[in-house]
């Protein structure tokens, strides 16, 4: 079982246009992501990676493998 630091306790809601949602879904299905949430977390990770953070989860991994930061205590 995941420890308390790695549990997802915060909800982030975003509004998307139909075209934005279609783009996320197409990308998700192409990469065989397990959920929209996992896809959005992976997109966040990739954006943060462009700024010098993180490593990528593997396609086909369970949703729990798609976190935004490698270190849950990292708060920068």
Protein backbone atom coordinates (compact mmCIF):
# COMPACT_ATOMS: atom_id res chain seq x y z
CA UNK A 1 0.00 0.00 0.00
CA UNK A 2 1.22 3.51 -0.82
CA UNK A 3 2.50 5.62 2.02
CA UNK A 4 0.70 8.82 3.01
CA UNK A 5 3.13 11.08 1.10
CA UNK A 6 2.35 9.38 -2.24
CA UNK A 7 -1.45 9.26 -1.94
CA UNK A 8 -3.36 11.57 -4.24
CA UNK A 9 -5.44 13.67 -1.89
CA UNK A 10 -5.81 16.86 -3.93
CA UNK A 11 -8.20 17.33 -6.84
CA UNK A 12 -7.35 19.67 -9.68
CA UNK A 13 -10.18 20.52 -12.03
CA UNK A 14 -9.60 22.08 -15.43
CA UNK A 15 -11.95 23.12 -18.20
CA UNK A 16 -11.11 22.04 -21.76
CA UNK A 17 -12.63 22.71 -25.14
CA UNK A 18 -13.90 19.74 -27.12
CA UNK A 19 -10.80 19.98 -29.32
CA UNK A 20 -8.41 20.07 -26.33
CA UNK A 21 -10.09 17.05 -24.78
CA UNK A 22 -9.98 15.22 -28.12
CA UNK A 23 -6.24 15.96 -28.38
CA UNK A 24 -5.61 14.63 -24.86
CA UNK A 25 -7.71 11.52 -25.52
CA UNK A 26 -6.04 10.84 -28.89
CA UNK A 27 -2.60 11.18 -27.28
CA UNK A 28 -3.67 9.01 -24.35
CA UNK A 29 -5.00 6.22 -26.57
CA UNK A 30 -1.98 6.35 -28.88
CA UNK A 31 0.31 5.81 -25.87
CA UNK A 32 -2.07 3.32 -24.22
CA UNK A 33 -2.43 5.39 -21.06
CA UNK A 34 -4.70 3.84 -18.41
CA UNK A 35 -6.80 6.98 -17.79
CA UNK A 36 -7.27 10.66 -18.62
CA UNK A 37 -5.83 11.50 -15.22
CA UNK A 38 -2.69 9.51 -15.97
CA UNK A 39 -2.39 11.25 -19.34
CA UNK A 40 -2.73 14.71 -17.81
CA UNK A 41 -0.20 13.84 -15.08
CA UNK A 42 2.21 12.61 -17.77
CA UNK A 43 1.74 15.82 -19.74
CA UNK A 44 2.50 17.79 -16.57
CA UNK A 45 5.59 15.65 -15.99
CA UNK A 46 6.78 16.26 -19.53
CA UNK A 47 6.23 19.99 -19.18
CA UNK A 48 8.15 19.99 -15.92
CA UNK A 49 10.86 17.84 -17.51
CA UNK A 50 11.35 20.56 -20.09
CA UNK A 51 12.18 22.83 -17.15
CA UNK A 52 14.60 20.32 -15.61
CA UNK A 53 12.40 18.00 -13.52
CA UNK A 54 11.65 14.23 -13.54
CA UNK A 55 11.76 10.99 -15.61
CA UNK A 56 8.97 9.46 -17.77
CA UNK A 57 6.70 6.58 -16.80
CA UNK A 58 6.46 3.71 -19.28
CA UNK A 59 3.47 3.32 -21.62
CA UNK A 60 1.12 0.61 -20.40
CA UNK A 61 1.98 1.30 -16.75
CA UNK A 62 -0.84 1.51 -14.20
CA UNK A 63 -2.23 4.95 -13.41
CA UNK A 64 -0.42 4.96 -10.04
CA UNK A 65 2.91 5.09 -11.90
CA UNK A 66 2.03 8.42 -13.50
CA UNK A 67 3.01 10.95 -10.85
CA UNK A 68 4.10 14.50 -11.53
CA UNK A 69 7.35 14.45 -9.53
CA UNK A 70 9.70 11.57 -8.78
CA UNK A 71 10.17 12.71 -5.19
CA UNK A 72 6.81 13.32 -3.42
CA UNK A 73 8.58 15.58 -0.92
CA UNK A 74 9.95 17.81 -3.72
CA UNK A 75 8.03 21.09 -3.58
CA UNK A 76 9.88 23.46 -5.96
